[in-house]
Each structure stands twice: as C-alpha cells, then as structure tokens.
Amino acid sequence: MSRKKSADPELAQKLSRRNMLGVAAGATAAAVLGASATPAAAQGTGTGHGHGHGQPVLPPGRLGIQLYSLRDKVSTIGFAKVFEELERFGYDEVEFAGYTQGSAGPITLPQLKRLARDHGLKGIGSHVNYYDNNNPNAYSFAQNLTKVLDDAQELGLDHIGTASGPFRYGSTVDAWKRAAADFNAYGAAAKRRGMKFYQHNHAEEFSFATDQPNVRLYDVLLAETDPSLVYLEMDIYWAFAGQFRFSKTPEGKPAPFDPLRYVLKQPHRYPLFHVKDGVEDIAARDGYRMVDVGDGDIDYKRFISAVNKTRGGRRDHHWQVEHDQPVDSILFAEKSSAHLHSLRERR
C-alpha cells in the first residue's frame, strides 16, 4: 500500500491510527512476507498448487461458498438439492445472495435455515443491496434496514453485508465519508442484534478520489468507518484486479499496494473472504480472466497461510469460494472444494 502523503491530513491521521491498531495482530504474519510488497499472484511459480504432507492450509469448518455462483441451480432445482451437493463436496458454510429459489417454489426463512442445518451448512452471511434511491420500498440497507436485519436474524446469520460499492454520493473524499457514515449506522444497528455488518469489494474501491487524485478511496473507507462496527469481506480476485488497474494515480504517479498487506495490518476487520481465481492476462482490463478456483494464478496457499498466522487466524476467518460466471456451477463447487482441501502447509 502506498505511504505517500495524503492530500487530506485528517484522513491520513485517521488511517495511520487505524493501521497502528492492527499492527500487533498482524506482525507475525507480516514477518513471513519480508520487506517485499510483491503481490501474492505475482509469485505464480506453482506454489499455489502444491499438495505437500503438512497441516492443511484451509482451517477446519471454515469453507463456504457464495450462492451467487450457484444461482442457476438454486433457481431451477432449489436449495435442497444444491445443499445436498455442497454437503457431499465438504462445504461448511453458505453465503446467501437472496432467499428465493425461482421455479423450485416458495420457501420460508425458517425452512431455509433448517434446510441448511440439515445438510451441515451454516449461513455465515448474505449480500444485500446498499441502496436504491429510486425505490423507497427496495430491499436494501438504505431503504429497508429493519427488514434486512430481521431476515438476517431469522436465518441466524453472524454477518450481514453488501457487495455494493460506497459510490452512493459520488467518488470524492467527502462522498465516501458520507457513505462511511451510512455504513457506521448500519454496523451499529447490526451490532445491536449480535451481527457484523460488512462490505465486499470489487476492483473500483481501489481507485482514486476524483477531487484528490492521490487519495485511494479504499483508504477513505478504512479510515472513516468504525472498526468495531464495519467489517470487510475481501474479494481477493477483485483486489488483485484493483492492484493491476490502480497501481498508478490518475496523474501517472506510482501507487503500488498489496491486497494481503491490507489484511495483515488489520486482520480483525476481515472476517470473510471471497476465494475467486484468475489467469493473469495483461491484455484484459482487469489483468486476469476469471477461472475455477485452482485453475488460476492467484497463490491461495500463500494468502490463506499468511492470514492463518495472525492472532486467531485459523479461527476467525471464513473462506467463501465464488465464480461470477462458472461454465458448470456444480462442477465449479466440487473442484474448488477439492483444491482448497488439498493445499498443505510446508513443513
């Protein structure tokens, strides 16, 4: 992450203070990386696909899947049959992307919760829209916070969040401060119910403020949200895509960052991760082409191992596999689980 002086002194002070809070928790893991800021994906010499005989890289009980990847199956064969397959593949958790199952027929939230439990699956989180300013009845945090939290609570979720970017008010520093204030409010409301509110990134969160081109918007989000109220779900693929696209400011100044280092500085803020793989392709807009987990160049063995070494790392983090457009969603789920379960630490 760039340490260039921020054009916003107050923001820089906040970010520095937040980073210091995470230093102790991340110090052990940071030590394994050395001083280099080499991205995890760039070390793609096969290290991400080794199957040694040491301790499993994947912590027990922490493998989940974002059901958006299986939306085609959920909407046709229904949750029951999808959950049956996930249980067979060795999944522990599911992250919801809606609570309906299309032509498979109606299902209530208590039925959905019981169905997951019957297949050994825990609902770990859910993605809900941040806002829809054109629809006061929208199912979103901004328009229907109470309903969103009621449903999450009925499902017994530990986390409730959004995959929407904080662009509600624009791309300026002040716009993201306003969005951060929204997130703090949602986080406080979730906390009162025993849940954690979180935001899932895409690549654009790592872009720069339109009014202060030396300020990375993701840094504004980190600095302006309360760490006890707002958590992050790092989509690792999109973070590396952001690294590829936004390692220079709009003015062309170098501004490198490493997604893993964000986590190691404040590991407590990242309870959830999206494990999504890609083949490096510098001709592509994002620098990668999305593929099934295990078929790409992102070094998940190194990434997960480093997070495991933080305080409570093997206990406090959850790994949700995802593919936005899998060719065969059931096969994707099976391959992803098999690959991650096969990874072993070096002895």
Protein backbone atom coordinates (compact mmCIF):
# COMPACT_ATOMS: atom_id res chain seq x y z
CA MET A 1 0.00 0.00 0.00
CA SER A 2 1.28 3.44 -0.88
CA ARG A 3 2.53 5.55 2.00
CA LYS A 4 2.58 8.81 0.05
CA LYS A 5 1.43 11.83 1.99
CA SER A 6 -2.32 12.25 1.77
CA ALA A 7 -3.83 15.47 0.49
CA ASP A 8 -6.27 15.19 3.41
CA PRO A 9 -4.30 15.48 6.72
CA GLU A 10 -7.29 14.47 8.87
CA LEU A 11 -7.85 11.35 6.76
CA ALA A 12 -4.15 10.46 6.89
CA GLN A 13 -4.16 10.75 10.68
CA LYS A 14 -7.21 8.50 10.98
CA LEU A 15 -5.77 5.88 8.65
CA SER A 16 -2.45 5.88 10.47
CA ARG A 17 -4.22 5.37 13.80
CA ARG A 18 -6.35 2.53 12.41
CA ASN A 19 -3.28 0.84 10.94
CA MET A 20 -1.45 1.02 14.24
CA LEU A 21 -4.32 -0.79 15.94
CA GLY A 22 -3.78 -3.75 13.65
CA VAL A 23 0.00 -3.89 13.80
CA ALA A 24 0.28 -6.20 16.79
CA ALA A 25 -2.28 -8.65 15.41
CA GLY A 26 -0.63 -8.79 12.01
CA ALA A 27 3.03 -8.62 12.97
CA THR A 28 3.68 -12.36 12.94
CA ALA A 29 2.15 -12.87 9.52
CA ALA A 30 3.84 -9.80 8.10
CA ALA A 31 7.17 -11.25 9.11
CA VAL A 32 6.69 -14.21 6.78
CA LEU A 33 6.37 -11.83 3.86
CA GLY A 34 9.60 -9.95 4.44
CA ALA A 35 10.01 -6.37 3.31
CA SER A 36 8.88 -7.00 -0.25
CA ALA A 37 5.49 -5.82 -1.44
CA THR A 38 5.46 -8.45 -4.19
CA PRO A 39 1.82 -9.38 -4.82
CA ALA A 40 0.77 -12.91 -3.98
CA ALA A 41 -0.38 -13.60 -7.51
CA ALA A 42 2.91 -12.46 -9.00
CA GLN A 43 4.72 -15.34 -7.33
CA GLY A 44 2.87 -17.76 -9.58
CA THR A 45 5.54 -20.43 -9.93
CA GLY A 46 3.26 -23.26 -8.91
CA THR A 47 3.47 -22.52 -5.19
CA GLY A 48 -0.29 -22.00 -5.01
CA HIS A 49 -0.97 -25.53 -6.19
CA GLY A 50 1.39 -27.61 -4.07
CA HIS A 51 -0.04 -30.59 -2.19
CA GLY A 52 2.57 -31.41 0.48
CA HIS A 53 2.10 -33.50 3.58
CA GLY A 54 1.93 -30.76 6.23
CA GLN A 55 -1.03 -29.24 8.04
CA PRO A 56 -4.00 -28.35 5.81
CA VAL A 57 -3.92 -24.70 4.74
CA LEU A 58 -7.71 -24.49 4.94
CA PRO A 59 -8.87 -24.21 8.58
CA PRO A 60 -11.42 -26.86 9.53
CA GLY A 61 -15.04 -25.79 9.43
CA ARG A 62 -14.32 -22.57 7.53
CA LEU A 63 -15.02 -23.39 3.86
CA GLY A 64 -18.08 -21.72 2.38
CA ILE A 65 -19.48 -20.77 -0.98
CA GLN A 66 -21.24 -17.64 -2.19
CA LEU A 67 -24.53 -18.97 -3.54
CA TYR A 68 -24.49 -16.37 -6.33
CA SER A 69 -22.13 -18.82 -8.05
CA LEU A 70 -24.93 -21.41 -8.00
CA ARG A 71 -27.81 -19.09 -8.81
CA ASP A 72 -28.69 -21.07 -11.94
CA LYS A 73 -29.14 -24.23 -9.89
CA VAL A 74 -30.87 -22.57 -6.93
CA SER A 75 -33.44 -21.05 -9.31
CA THR A 76 -34.19 -24.37 -11.06
CA ILE A 77 -33.56 -27.34 -8.75
CA GLY A 78 -33.84 -25.41 -5.47
CA PHE A 79 -31.87 -25.01 -2.27
CA ALA A 80 -32.43 -28.57 -1.04
CA LYS A 81 -30.69 -30.25 -3.95
CA VAL A 82 -27.95 -27.63 -4.07
CA PHE A 83 -27.28 -28.04 -0.34
CA GLU A 84 -27.19 -31.82 -0.78
CA GLU A 85 -24.37 -31.40 -3.31
CA LEU A 86 -22.50 -28.89 -1.15
CA GLU A 87 -22.65 -31.27 1.81
CA ARG A 88 -21.23 -34.02 -0.39
CA PHE A 89 -18.38 -31.75 -1.52
CA GLY A 90 -17.37 -30.95 2.06
CA TYR A 91 -18.62 -27.38 2.49
CA ASP A 92 -19.24 -26.00 5.96
CA GLU A 93 -20.92 -22.64 5.25
CA VAL A 94 -23.01 -20.76 2.72
CA GLU A 95 -23.24 -17.06 1.97
CA PHE A 96 -26.63 -16.05 0.61
CA ALA A 97 -27.34 -13.86 -2.42
CA GLY A 98 -31.11 -13.87 -1.97
CA TYR A 99 -33.62 -16.11 -0.23
CA THR A 100 -35.83 -17.32 -3.09
CA GLN A 101 -35.48 -20.34 -5.38
CA GLY A 102 -37.37 -19.42 -8.55
CA SER A 103 -39.23 -22.25 -10.24
CA ALA A 104 -38.35 -24.61 -7.41
CA GLY A 105 -41.17 -22.99 -5.44
CA PRO A 106 -41.65 -20.80 -2.37
CA ILE A 107 -39.57 -21.30 0.75
CA THR A 108 -39.75 -19.52 4.12
CA LEU A 109 -36.74 -18.28 6.05
CA PRO A 110 -37.24 -20.82 8.87
CA GLN A 111 -37.41 -23.57 6.24
CA LEU A 112 -34.24 -22.27 4.59
CA LYS A 113 -32.38 -22.12 7.89
CA ARG A 114 -33.47 -25.64 8.81
CA LEU A 115 -32.57 -26.95 5.36
CA ALA A 116 -29.04 -25.60 5.61
CA ARG A 117 -28.63 -27.02 9.11
CA ASP A 118 -29.90 -30.44 7.99
CA HIS A 119 -27.09 -30.54 5.43
CA GLY A 120 -24.41 -29.48 7.89
CA LEU A 121 -24.22 -25.95 6.49
CA LYS A 122 -24.14 -22.72 8.47
CA GLY A 123 -25.39 -19.47 6.99
CA ILE A 124 -22.38 -17.23 7.51
CA GLY A 125 -23.51 -14.07 5.70
CA SER A 126 -25.63 -12.51 2.99
CA HIS A 127 -25.28 -9.89 0.28
CA VAL A 128 -27.97 -7.18 0.18
CA ASN A 129 -28.03 -4.00 -1.91
CA TYR A 130 -26.66 -0.88 -0.21
CA TYR A 131 -29.29 1.48 -1.66
CA ASP A 132 -31.88 2.12 -4.35
CA ASN A 133 -32.75 5.80 -4.18
CA ASN A 134 -35.41 5.39 -6.86
CA ASN A 135 -37.47 2.89 -4.89
CA PRO A 136 -38.45 3.62 -1.28
CA ASN A 137 -39.61 0.00 -0.91
CA ALA A 138 -36.38 -1.53 -2.19
CA TYR A 139 -34.87 -4.43 -0.27
CA SER A 140 -31.71 -2.56 0.66
CA PHE A 141 -29.90 -1.24 3.72
CA ALA A 142 -30.75 2.38 2.95
CA GLN A 143 -34.44 1.83 2.22
CA ASN A 144 -35.38 -1.12 4.47
CA LEU A 145 -32.73 -1.61 7.14
CA THR A 146 -35.09 -3.11 9.72
CA LYS A 147 -36.43 -5.74 7.29
CA VAL A 148 -32.94 -6.64 6.09
CA LEU A 149 -31.77 -7.17 9.67
CA ASP A 150 -34.96 -9.00 10.66
CA ASP A 151 -34.41 -11.53 7.87
CA ALA A 152 -30.73 -11.99 8.66
CA GLN A 153 -31.55 -12.54 12.30
CA GLU A 154 -34.26 -15.07 11.44
CA LEU A 155 -31.71 -17.01 9.39
CA GLY A 156 -29.26 -16.94 12.29
CA LEU A 157 -26.54 -15.15 10.31
CA ASP A 158 -23.42 -13.90 12.05
CA HIS A 159 -22.72 -11.38 9.29
CA ILE A 160 -24.90 -9.25 7.02
CA GLY A 161 -23.39 -7.10 4.31
CA THR A 162 -23.37 -5.61 0.86
CA ALA A 163 -21.42 -6.12 -2.34
CA SER A 164 -22.36 -2.61 -3.45
CA GLY A 165 -19.53 -0.11 -3.72
CA PRO A 166 -19.69 3.00 -1.50
CA PHE A 167 -20.43 5.22 -4.52
CA ARG A 168 -23.89 6.35 -3.39
CA TYR A 169 -22.85 10.01 -3.20
CA GLY A 170 -20.07 10.00 -5.77
CA SER A 171 -16.31 9.41 -5.91
CA THR A 172 -14.97 12.34 -3.92
CA VAL A 173 -13.43 12.06 -0.47
CA ASP A 174 -16.45 13.72 1.13
CA ALA A 175 -18.81 11.42 -0.80
CA TRP A 176 -17.06 8.39 0.66
CA LYS A 177 -17.09 9.93 4.11
CA ARG A 178 -20.88 10.18 3.78
CA ALA A 179 -21.07 6.55 2.65
CA ALA A 180 -18.86 5.57 5.59
CA ALA A 181 -21.30 7.31 7.92
CA ASP A 182 -24.10 5.20 6.42
CA PHE A 183 -22.05 2.05 6.96
CA ASN A 184 -21.34 3.03 10.56
CA ALA A 185 -25.07 3.39 11.15
CA TYR A 186 -25.83 0.00 9.58
CA GLY A 187 -22.99 -1.54 11.57
CA ALA A 188 -24.33 -0.14 14.82
CA ALA A 189 -27.81 -1.47 14.05
CA ALA A 190 -26.39 -4.91 13.17
CA LYS A 191 -24.23 -4.98 16.29
CA ARG A 192 -27.26 -4.37 18.49
CA ARG A 193 -28.63 -7.64 17.12
CA GLY A 194 -25.40 -9.57 17.57
CA MET A 195 -24.32 -9.42 13.91
CA LYS A 196 -21.45 -7.84 11.99
CA PHE A 197 -22.06 -5.56 9.01
CA TYR A 198 -19.56 -5.93 6.16
CA GLN A 199 -18.74 -4.58 2.70
CA HIS A 200 -17.46 -6.70 -0.18
CA ASN A 201 -15.11 -5.02 -2.64
CA HIS A 202 -14.77 -5.05 -6.38
CA ALA A 203 -11.81 -3.50 -8.21
CA GLU A 204 -13.15 0.06 -8.25
CA GLU A 205 -12.89 0.52 -4.49
CA PHE A 206 -9.12 0.77 -5.02
CA SER A 207 -9.44 3.68 -7.45
CA PHE A 208 -8.70 7.30 -6.52
CA ALA A 209 -10.89 10.18 -5.38
CA THR A 210 -11.90 12.45 -8.22
CA ASP A 211 -11.19 15.58 -6.16
CA GLN A 212 -7.97 14.34 -4.52
CA PRO A 213 -6.23 12.07 -7.05
CA ASN A 214 -3.55 10.99 -4.57
CA VAL A 215 -6.13 9.55 -2.17
CA ARG A 216 -7.21 5.94 -2.67
CA LEU A 217 -10.93 5.55 -1.98
CA TYR A 218 -10.47 2.26 -0.12
CA ASP A 219 -8.25 4.10 2.34
CA VAL A 220 -11.05 6.59 2.95
CA LEU A 221 -13.43 3.73 3.71
CA LEU A 222 -10.97 2.19 6.17
CA ALA A 223 -10.22 5.48 7.87
CA GLU A 224 -13.79 6.73 8.17
CA THR A 225 -15.55 3.57 9.31
CA ASP A 226 -15.50 2.40 12.92
CA PRO A 227 -13.55 -0.89 13.16
CA SER A 228 -15.94 -2.12 15.82
CA LEU A 229 -18.95 -1.57 13.56
CA VAL A 230 -17.87 -2.04 9.94
CA TYR A 231 -16.02 -5.09 8.63
CA LEU A 232 -14.66 -6.03 5.22
CA GLU A 233 -15.05 -9.08 3.04
CA MET A 234 -12.05 -9.00 0.73
CA ASP A 235 -12.78 -10.44 -2.68
CA ILE A 236 -9.21 -11.47 -3.38
CA TYR A 237 -9.60 -11.70 -7.15
CA TRP A 238 -11.08 -8.23 -7.43
CA ALA A 239 -8.45 -6.85 -5.05
CA PHE A 240 -5.70 -8.12 -7.35
CA ALA A 241 -7.61 -6.72 -10.32
CA GLY A 242 -7.63 -3.40 -8.45
CA GLN A 243 -3.90 -3.74 -7.90
CA PHE A 244 -3.43 -4.21 -11.66
CA ARG A 245 -5.64 -1.26 -12.60
CA PHE A 246 -4.85 1.25 -9.87
CA SER A 247 -1.16 0.98 -9.04
CA LYS A 248 -0.69 4.42 -10.54
CA THR A 249 -2.59 7.59 -9.73
CA PRO A 250 -4.60 9.29 -12.49
CA GLU A 251 -1.60 11.57 -12.87
CA GLY A 252 0.64 8.58 -13.54
CA LYS A 253 2.49 8.55 -10.21
CA PRO A 254 3.40 5.09 -8.82
CA ALA A 255 0.98 4.00 -6.08
CA PRO A 256 1.57 0.27 -5.56
CA PHE A 257 -0.28 -1.75 -2.95
CA ASP A 258 -0.57 -5.39 -1.93
CA PRO A 259 -4.08 -6.68 -1.04
CA LEU A 260 -2.65 -9.11 1.51
CA ARG A 261 -0.92 -6.31 3.40
CA TYR A 262 -4.26 -4.56 3.93
CA VAL A 263 -5.45 -7.70 5.71
CA LEU A 264 -2.29 -8.20 7.76
CA LYS A 265 -2.41 -4.63 9.08
CA GLN A 266 -5.96 -5.07 10.42
CA PRO A 267 -6.81 -8.79 10.31
CA HIS A 268 -9.70 -8.39 12.76
CA ARG A 269 -11.55 -6.30 10.17
CA TYR A 270 -11.61 -9.13 7.60
CA PRO A 271 -13.74 -11.99 8.94
CA LEU A 272 -14.81 -13.06 5.44
CA PHE A 273 -13.01 -13.58 2.14
CA HIS A 274 -14.04 -14.46 -1.38
CA VAL A 275 -11.76 -17.06 -2.94
CA LYS A 276 -12.02 -16.42 -6.65
CA ASP A 277 -9.29 -17.38 -9.12
CA GLY A 278 -7.95 -15.87 -12.32
CA VAL A 279 -5.39 -16.47 -15.03
CA GLU A 280 -3.11 -13.48 -15.49
CA ASP A 281 -3.78 -11.67 -18.76
CA ILE A 282 -2.30 -8.20 -19.08
CA ALA A 283 -4.35 -7.61 -22.21
CA ALA A 284 -7.57 -7.86 -20.18
CA ARG A 285 -8.99 -4.78 -18.48
CA ASP A 286 -8.61 -6.31 -15.02
CA GLY A 287 -5.31 -8.11 -15.66
CA TYR A 288 -6.97 -11.50 -15.13
CA ARG A 289 -9.50 -13.84 -16.70
CA MET A 290 -11.76 -15.46 -14.11
CA VAL A 291 -11.49 -19.26 -13.84
CA ASP A 292 -12.42 -22.01 -11.39
CA VAL A 293 -10.54 -21.98 -8.10
CA GLY A 294 -7.30 -23.91 -8.57
CA ASP A 295 -7.10 -23.29 -12.31
CA GLY A 296 -5.61 -19.80 -12.00
CA ASP A 297 -2.50 -17.93 -10.91
CA ILE A 298 -3.58 -16.48 -7.57
CA ASP A 299 -1.48 -18.08 -4.85
CA TYR A 300 -4.13 -19.05 -2.31
CA LYS A 301 -1.78 -21.32 -0.43
CA ARG A 302 0.39 -18.32 0.42
CA PHE A 303 -2.52 -15.94 1.01
CA ILE A 304 -4.51 -18.17 3.35
CA SER A 305 -1.36 -19.32 5.15
CA ALA A 306 -0.38 -15.72 5.90
CA VAL A 307 -3.82 -14.91 7.28
CA ASN A 308 -3.74 -18.11 9.35
CA LYS A 309 -0.64 -16.80 11.12
CA THR A 310 -2.41 -13.73 12.51
CA ARG A 311 -3.84 -13.88 16.02
CA GLY A 312 -6.88 -16.16 15.89
CA GLY A 313 -6.28 -16.55 12.15
CA ARG A 314 -7.41 -20.14 11.77
CA ARG A 315 -10.48 -19.47 13.92
CA ASP A 316 -11.69 -16.00 12.98
CA HIS A 317 -11.66 -16.02 9.16
CA HIS A 318 -14.04 -17.66 6.70
CA TRP A 319 -13.28 -18.51 3.05
CA GLN A 320 -16.13 -18.36 0.54
CA VAL A 321 -15.40 -19.64 -2.98
CA GLU A 322 -17.02 -17.79 -5.85
CA HIS A 323 -17.11 -17.56 -9.62
CA ASP A 324 -19.27 -14.89 -11.27
CA GLN A 325 -20.00 -16.92 -14.42
CA PRO A 326 -18.96 -20.56 -14.00
CA VAL A 327 -19.34 -22.80 -17.04
CA ASP A 328 -20.73 -25.55 -14.82
CA SER A 329 -21.64 -24.23 -11.37
CA ILE A 330 -21.89 -27.64 -9.65
CA LEU A 331 -18.56 -28.76 -11.10
CA PHE A 332 -17.05 -25.43 -10.03
CA ALA A 333 -18.21 -26.01 -6.46
CA GLU A 334 -16.79 -29.53 -6.43
CA LYS A 335 -13.42 -28.57 -7.94
CA SER A 336 -12.99 -25.55 -5.68
CA SER A 337 -13.56 -27.56 -2.51
CA ALA A 338 -11.24 -30.34 -3.63
CA HIS A 339 -8.46 -27.89 -4.49
CA LEU A 340 -8.61 -25.91 -1.26
CA HIS A 341 -8.81 -29.04 0.88
CA SER A 342 -5.73 -30.40 -0.90
CA LEU A 343 -3.45 -27.48 0.00
CA ARG A 344 -0.89 -28.21 2.70
CA GLU A 345 1.49 -26.03 4.66
CA ARG A 346 5.20 -26.50 4.07
CA ARG A 347 6.91 -28.43 6.85
